[in-house]
C-alpha atoms as a PDB file:
ATOM      1  CA  MET A   1       5.925  -8.579  11.312  1.00  0.00           C
ATOM      2  CA  ALA A   2       6.484  -4.858  11.682  1.00  0.00           C
ATOM      3  CA  THR A   3       6.452  -3.148  15.050  1.00  0.00           C
ATOM      4  CA  ALA A   4       3.927  -0.499  13.942  1.00  0.00           C
ATOM      5  CA  THR A   5       0.275  -1.243  13.149  1.00  0.00           C
ATOM      6  CA  TRP A   6      -2.330   0.762  11.223  1.00  0.00           C
ATOM      7  CA  PRO A   7      -4.422   2.558  13.899  1.00  0.00           C
ATOM      8  CA  VAL A   8      -7.642   0.711  14.753  1.00  0.00           C
ATOM      9  CA  SER A   9      -9.427   4.071  15.061  1.00  0.00           C
ATOM     10  CA  LEU A  10      -8.926   4.692  11.331  1.00  0.00           C
ATOM     11  CA  PRO A  11     -11.039   3.097   8.605  1.00  0.00           C
ATOM     12  CA  GLY A  12      -9.705   0.683   6.032  1.00  0.00           C
ATOM     13  CA  PRO A  13      -9.022   1.820   2.479  1.00  0.00           C
ATOM     14  CA  MET A  14     -11.851   2.572   0.094  1.00  0.00           C
ATOM     15  CA  LYS A  15     -12.813  -0.359  -2.142  1.00  0.00           C
ATOM     16  CA  GLU A  16     -12.942   1.984  -5.109  1.00  0.00           C
ATOM     17  CA  PRO A  17     -10.470   3.164  -6.491  1.00  0.00           C
ATOM     18  CA  PHE A  18      -8.342   0.484  -4.746  1.00  0.00           C
ATOM     19  CA  ASN A  19      -5.987  -1.449  -7.011  1.00  0.00           C
ATOM     20  CA  GLU A  20      -3.189  -3.950  -6.575  1.00  0.00           C
ATOM     21  CA  ALA A  21      -0.358  -4.686  -8.988  1.00  0.00           C
ATOM     22  CA  LEU A  22       1.464  -8.024  -8.769  1.00  0.00           C
ATOM     23  CA  ASP A  23       5.164  -7.791  -9.571  1.00  0.00           C
ATOM     24  CA  ASP A  24       6.433  -9.505 -12.722  1.00  0.00           C
ATOM     25  CA  THR A  25       8.890 -12.145 -11.486  1.00  0.00           C
ATOM     26  CA  VAL A  26       9.400 -13.914 -14.821  1.00  0.00           C
ATOM     27  CA  ILE A  27      12.326 -13.539 -17.220  1.00  0.00           C
ATOM     28  CA  ARG A  28      11.371 -14.451 -20.771  1.00  0.00           C
ATOM     29  CA  THR A  29      14.016 -15.428 -23.312  1.00  0.00           C
ATOM     30  CA  SER A  30      13.284 -15.728 -27.026  1.00  0.00           C
ATOM     31  CA  MET A  31      14.768 -18.788 -28.668  1.00  0.00           C
ATOM     32  CA  ASP A  32      15.889 -19.167 -32.293  1.00  0.00           C
ATOM     33  CA  THR A  33      13.096 -21.701 -32.735  1.00  0.00           C
ATOM     34  CA  GLY A  34      10.275 -22.900 -30.570  1.00  0.00           C
ATOM     35  CA  PRO A  35       8.474 -21.285 -27.674  1.00  0.00           C
ATOM     36  CA  THR A  36       9.886 -18.611 -25.398  1.00  0.00           C
ATOM     37  CA  LYS A  37      11.707 -19.954 -22.318  1.00  0.00           C
ATOM     38  CA  ARG A  38      10.659 -18.640 -18.921  1.00  0.00           C
ATOM     39  CA  ARG A  39      12.263 -18.686 -15.501  1.00  0.00           C
ATOM     40  CA  ARG A  40      11.766 -16.906 -12.211  1.00  0.00           C
ATOM     41  CA  ARG A  41      13.767 -13.741 -11.671  1.00  0.00           C
ATOM     42  CA  TYR A  42      13.317 -13.975  -7.892  1.00  0.00           C
ATOM     43  CA  THR A  43      10.934 -15.662  -5.477  1.00  0.00           C
ATOM     44  CA  ALA A  44       9.899 -12.687  -3.321  1.00  0.00           C
ATOM     45  CA  ARG A  45       7.410 -10.643  -5.349  1.00  0.00           C
ATOM     46  CA  LYS A  46       7.174  -6.901  -4.743  1.00  0.00           C
ATOM     47  CA  ASP A  47       3.411  -6.389  -4.977  1.00  0.00           C
ATOM     48  CA  VAL A  48       2.093  -2.820  -4.804  1.00  0.00           C
ATOM     49  CA  LEU A  49      -1.166  -1.464  -3.374  1.00  0.00           C
ATOM     50  CA  ASN A  50      -2.616   1.923  -4.340  1.00  0.00           C
ATOM     51  CA  LEU A  51      -4.650   2.981  -1.307  1.00  0.00           C
ATOM     52  CA  VAL A  52      -7.231   5.732  -0.808  1.00  0.00           C
ATOM     53  CA  TYR A  53      -8.765   6.534   2.581  1.00  0.00           C
ATOM     54  CA  ARG A  54     -11.631   8.912   3.371  1.00  0.00           C
ATOM     55  CA  LEU A  55     -11.047  10.654   6.714  1.00  0.00           C
ATOM     56  CA  ASP A  56     -12.725  13.365   8.770  1.00  0.00           C
ATOM     57  CA  LEU A  57     -10.634  15.992  10.584  1.00  0.00           C
ATOM     58  CA  THR A  58     -10.265  13.918  13.769  1.00  0.00           C
ATOM     59  CA  GLN A  59      -9.148  10.867  11.804  1.00  0.00           C
ATOM     60  CA  LEU A  60      -6.830  13.046   9.714  1.00  0.00           C
ATOM     61  CA  ALA A  61      -5.091  14.224  12.903  1.00  0.00           C
ATOM     62  CA  ILE A  62      -4.667  10.579  13.997  1.00  0.00           C
ATOM     63  CA  PHE A  63      -3.228   9.697  10.585  1.00  0.00           C
ATOM     64  CA  ARG A  64      -0.783  12.624  10.669  1.00  0.00           C
ATOM     65  CA  THR A  65       0.500  11.462  14.071  1.00  0.00           C
ATOM     66  CA  PHE A  66       0.771   7.862  12.836  1.00  0.00           C
ATOM     67  CA  TYR A  67       2.612   8.978   9.693  1.00  0.00           C
ATOM     68  CA  GLY A  68       4.893  11.575  11.293  1.00  0.00           C
ATOM     69  CA  THR A  69       5.701   9.821  14.565  1.00  0.00           C
ATOM     70  CA  THR A  70       4.844   6.121  14.481  1.00  0.00           C
ATOM     71  CA  ILE A  71       6.181   5.303  11.018  1.00  0.00           C
ATOM     72  CA  ASN A  72       8.727   8.145  10.902  1.00  0.00           C
ATOM     73  CA  ASP A  73       7.323   9.939   7.812  1.00  0.00           C
ATOM     74  CA  GLY A  74       6.961   6.650   5.969  1.00  0.00           C
ATOM     75  CA  VAL A  75      10.381   5.154   6.761  1.00  0.00           C
ATOM     76  CA  THR A  76       9.162   2.416   9.116  1.00  0.00           C
ATOM     77  CA  GLU A  77       7.201  -0.604   7.860  1.00  0.00           C
ATOM     78  CA  TYR A  78       3.811  -1.247   9.397  1.00  0.00           C
ATOM     79  CA  ASP A  79       1.189  -3.985   9.551  1.00  0.00           C
ATOM     80  CA  MET A  80      -2.271  -3.571   8.072  1.00  0.00           C
ATOM     81  CA  GLU A  81      -5.166  -5.720   6.935  1.00  0.00           C
ATOM     82  CA  HIS A  82      -5.121  -6.518   3.216  1.00  0.00           C
ATOM     83  CA  PRO A  83      -8.274  -4.937   1.709  1.00  0.00           C
ATOM     84  CA  ILE A  84      -9.221  -8.074  -0.248  1.00  0.00           C
ATOM     85  CA  THR A  85      -7.830 -11.102   1.587  1.00  0.00           C
ATOM     86  CA  LEU A  86      -8.164  -9.559   5.083  1.00  0.00           C
ATOM     87  CA  ALA A  87      -4.823 -11.188   5.999  1.00  0.00           C
ATOM     88  CA  THR A  88      -2.351  -9.143   8.033  1.00  0.00           C
ATOM     89  CA  ILE A  89       0.405  -7.859   5.755  1.00  0.00           C
ATOM     90  CA  THR A  90       3.529  -5.789   6.345  1.00  0.00           C
ATOM     91  CA  VAL A  91       3.886  -2.806   4.035  1.00  0.00           C
ATOM     92  CA  ALA A  92       6.311   0.045   3.353  1.00  0.00           C
ATOM     93  CA  MET A  93       5.341   3.453   1.971  1.00  0.00           C
ATOM     94  CA  MET A  94       6.445   3.950  -1.631  1.00  0.00           C
ATOM     95  CA  SER A  95       5.049   7.413  -2.414  1.00  0.00           C
ATOM     96  CA  PRO A  96       4.308  10.700  -0.709  1.00  0.00           C
ATOM     97  CA  VAL A  97       0.853  11.069   0.839  1.00  0.00           C
ATOM     98  CA  LYS A  98      -1.604  13.199  -1.160  1.00  0.00           C
ATOM     99  CA  PHE A  99      -4.480  15.027   0.539  1.00  0.00           C
ATOM    100  CA  VAL A 100      -7.614  16.057  -1.386  1.00  0.00           C
ATOM    101  CA  ASN A 101     -10.556  17.906   0.168  1.00  0.00           C
ATOM    102  CA  VAL A 102     -13.913  16.340  -0.717  1.00  0.00           C
ATOM    103  CA  GLY A 103     -16.574  18.837  -1.752  1.00  0.00           C
ATOM    104  CA  ALA A 104     -15.361  21.780   0.366  1.00  0.00           C
ATOM    105  CA  SER A 105     -16.186  19.822   3.534  1.00  0.00           C
ATOM    106  CA  ASP A 106     -14.298  18.544   6.559  1.00  0.00           C
ATOM    107  CA  ILE A 107     -13.700  15.260   4.744  1.00  0.00           C
ATOM    108  CA  TYR A 108     -10.389  14.461   3.064  1.00  0.00           C
ATOM    109  CA  GLU A 109      -9.290  11.675   0.787  1.00  0.00           C
ATOM    110  CA  ILE A 110      -5.691  10.679   1.320  1.00  0.00           C
ATOM    111  CA  SER A 111      -3.875   8.461  -1.154  1.00  0.00           C
ATOM    112  CA  PHE A 112      -0.506   6.758  -1.257  1.00  0.00           C
ATOM    113  CA  VAL A 113       1.230   3.668  -2.593  1.00  0.00           C
ATOM    114  CA  VAL A 114       2.631   0.864  -0.419  1.00  0.00           C
ATOM    115  CA  GLU A 115       4.748  -2.158  -1.259  1.00  0.00           C
ATOM    116  CA  ILE A 116       3.931  -5.465   0.431  1.00  0.00           C
ATOM    117  CA  GLN A 117       7.040  -6.723   2.195  1.00  0.00           C
ATOM    118  CA  PRO A 118       8.041 -10.373   1.769  1.00  0.00           C
END
């Protein structure tokens, strides 16, 4: 478990356009005859979540503090609730955070990619 936790005052990620990619852990070897042989490359998968959050200005300020101070600009792992399974998972940031204003309002969509830590 990580020492940092996603702030409870912030919402969870949006269900759409959420997506999760499971890492390919299989090595496939073609044989001269017969079916392809398969074996595991490693046992700890590196699954990736693409997350999008919709935040107002107050929540955006909380996120900026969490990102800049608590997780050291994305260096430190943190715990969050998995959007589908609702289990607590430890994740690490894998991409820069993108901010998009929604309809010239005080609402922003932030998006980034995290890797689930084994």
